[in-house]
């Protein structure tokens, strides 16, 4: 298992957290998702083969902005 932390802009409430969590849980290999709109982060526990890019695309598909780190 691996843990991935993704910074997300646009989450403003618990409903936003739920939308992100539910979307990410549809990805094969994702075990647990915890979104925190106060911190603007999503923590994903997944199997090794799930890439961060797949997670970021899923978040953007539902209308949130992923903050890319340099």
C-alpha atoms as a PDB file:
ATOM      1  CA  UNK A   1       0.000   0.000   0.000  1.00  0.00           C
ATOM      2  CA  UNK A   2       1.053   3.564  -0.597  1.00  0.00           C
ATOM      3  CA  UNK A   3      -0.227   6.917   0.605  1.00  0.00           C
ATOM      4  CA  UNK A   4      -0.614   9.814  -1.808  1.00  0.00           C
ATOM      5  CA  UNK A   5      -1.378  13.393  -0.770  1.00  0.00           C
ATOM      6  CA  UNK A   6      -2.946  15.670  -3.382  1.00  0.00           C
ATOM      7  CA  UNK A   7      -3.536  19.404  -2.945  1.00  0.00           C
ATOM      8  CA  UNK A   8      -6.969  20.431  -4.225  1.00  0.00           C
ATOM      9  CA  UNK A   9      -8.475  23.883  -4.768  1.00  0.00           C
ATOM     10  CA  UNK A  10     -12.212  24.422  -4.709  1.00  0.00           C
ATOM     11  CA  UNK A  11     -13.307  22.202  -1.836  1.00  0.00           C
ATOM     12  CA  UNK A  12     -15.296  24.486   0.458  1.00  0.00           C
ATOM     13  CA  UNK A  13     -17.545  22.168   2.477  1.00  0.00           C
ATOM     14  CA  UNK A  14     -18.262  18.622   3.605  1.00  0.00           C
ATOM     15  CA  UNK A  15     -20.285  18.054   0.443  1.00  0.00           C
ATOM     16  CA  UNK A  16     -17.192  18.825  -1.637  1.00  0.00           C
ATOM     17  CA  UNK A  17     -15.178  16.394   0.455  1.00  0.00           C
ATOM     18  CA  UNK A  18     -17.787  13.687  -0.142  1.00  0.00           C
ATOM     19  CA  UNK A  19     -17.802  14.292  -3.918  1.00  0.00           C
ATOM     20  CA  UNK A  20     -14.018  13.939  -4.095  1.00  0.00           C
ATOM     21  CA  UNK A  21     -13.955  10.888  -1.815  1.00  0.00           C
ATOM     22  CA  UNK A  22     -16.729   9.116  -3.717  1.00  0.00           C
ATOM     23  CA  UNK A  23     -15.111   9.822  -7.103  1.00  0.00           C
ATOM     24  CA  UNK A  24     -11.706   8.525  -6.026  1.00  0.00           C
ATOM     25  CA  UNK A  25     -13.198   5.403  -4.458  1.00  0.00           C
ATOM     26  CA  UNK A  26     -14.406   4.367  -7.944  1.00  0.00           C
ATOM     27  CA  UNK A  27     -10.779   3.850  -9.038  1.00  0.00           C
ATOM     28  CA  UNK A  28      -9.684   0.211  -8.929  1.00  0.00           C
ATOM     29  CA  UNK A  29      -7.030  -0.243  -6.256  1.00  0.00           C
ATOM     30  CA  UNK A  30      -8.018   2.732  -4.095  1.00  0.00           C
ATOM     31  CA  UNK A  31      -8.559   1.504  -0.545  1.00  0.00           C
ATOM     32  CA  UNK A  32      -9.241   4.669   1.483  1.00  0.00           C
ATOM     33  CA  UNK A  33      -9.776   8.364   0.774  1.00  0.00           C
ATOM     34  CA  UNK A  34      -9.821  11.207   3.299  1.00  0.00           C
ATOM     35  CA  UNK A  35     -10.545  14.707   1.975  1.00  0.00           C
ATOM     36  CA  UNK A  36     -10.088  17.805   4.161  1.00  0.00           C
ATOM     37  CA  UNK A  37     -11.525  21.025   2.733  1.00  0.00           C
ATOM     38  CA  UNK A  38     -10.006  23.111   5.551  1.00  0.00           C
ATOM     39  CA  UNK A  39      -6.479  22.031   4.604  1.00  0.00           C
ATOM     40  CA  UNK A  40      -7.220  21.658   0.889  1.00  0.00           C
ATOM     41  CA  UNK A  41      -5.779  18.172   0.705  1.00  0.00           C
ATOM     42  CA  UNK A  42      -6.889  14.663  -0.148  1.00  0.00           C
ATOM     43  CA  UNK A  43      -5.051  11.662   1.295  1.00  0.00           C
ATOM     44  CA  UNK A  44      -5.423   8.457  -0.716  1.00  0.00           C
ATOM     45  CA  UNK A  45      -4.347   4.992   0.391  1.00  0.00           C
ATOM     46  CA  UNK A  46      -4.038   2.705  -2.613  1.00  0.00           C
ATOM     47  CA  UNK A  47      -2.291  -0.263  -4.123  1.00  0.00           C
ATOM     48  CA  UNK A  48       1.100   0.481  -5.697  1.00  0.00           C
ATOM     49  CA  UNK A  49      -0.155   0.336  -9.286  1.00  0.00           C
ATOM     50  CA  UNK A  50      -2.553   3.283  -8.921  1.00  0.00           C
ATOM     51  CA  UNK A  51      -0.779   6.394 -10.232  1.00  0.00           C
ATOM     52  CA  UNK A  52      -1.131   9.914  -8.904  1.00  0.00           C
ATOM     53  CA  UNK A  53      -2.025  11.091 -12.432  1.00  0.00           C
ATOM     54  CA  UNK A  54      -5.105   8.852 -12.508  1.00  0.00           C
ATOM     55  CA  UNK A  55      -6.241  10.280  -9.162  1.00  0.00           C
ATOM     56  CA  UNK A  56      -5.628  13.876 -10.258  1.00  0.00           C
ATOM     57  CA  UNK A  57      -7.569  13.373 -13.497  1.00  0.00           C
ATOM     58  CA  UNK A  58     -10.531  11.965 -11.568  1.00  0.00           C
ATOM     59  CA  UNK A  59     -10.547  15.013  -9.251  1.00  0.00           C
ATOM     60  CA  UNK A  60     -10.397  17.415 -12.213  1.00  0.00           C
ATOM     61  CA  UNK A  61     -13.153  15.479 -14.033  1.00  0.00           C
ATOM     62  CA  UNK A  62     -15.602  16.368 -11.248  1.00  0.00           C
ATOM     63  CA  UNK A  63     -14.716  20.075 -11.334  1.00  0.00           C
ATOM     64  CA  UNK A  64     -11.975  20.636  -8.772  1.00  0.00           C
ATOM     65  CA  UNK A  65      -8.493  22.009  -9.433  1.00  0.00           C
ATOM     66  CA  UNK A  66      -5.425  19.981  -8.541  1.00  0.00           C
ATOM     67  CA  UNK A  67      -2.496  22.089  -7.325  1.00  0.00           C
ATOM     68  CA  UNK A  68       0.609  20.781  -9.070  1.00  0.00           C
ATOM     69  CA  UNK A  69       3.805  20.869  -7.064  1.00  0.00           C
ATOM     70  CA  UNK A  70       7.073  21.882  -8.686  1.00  0.00           C
END
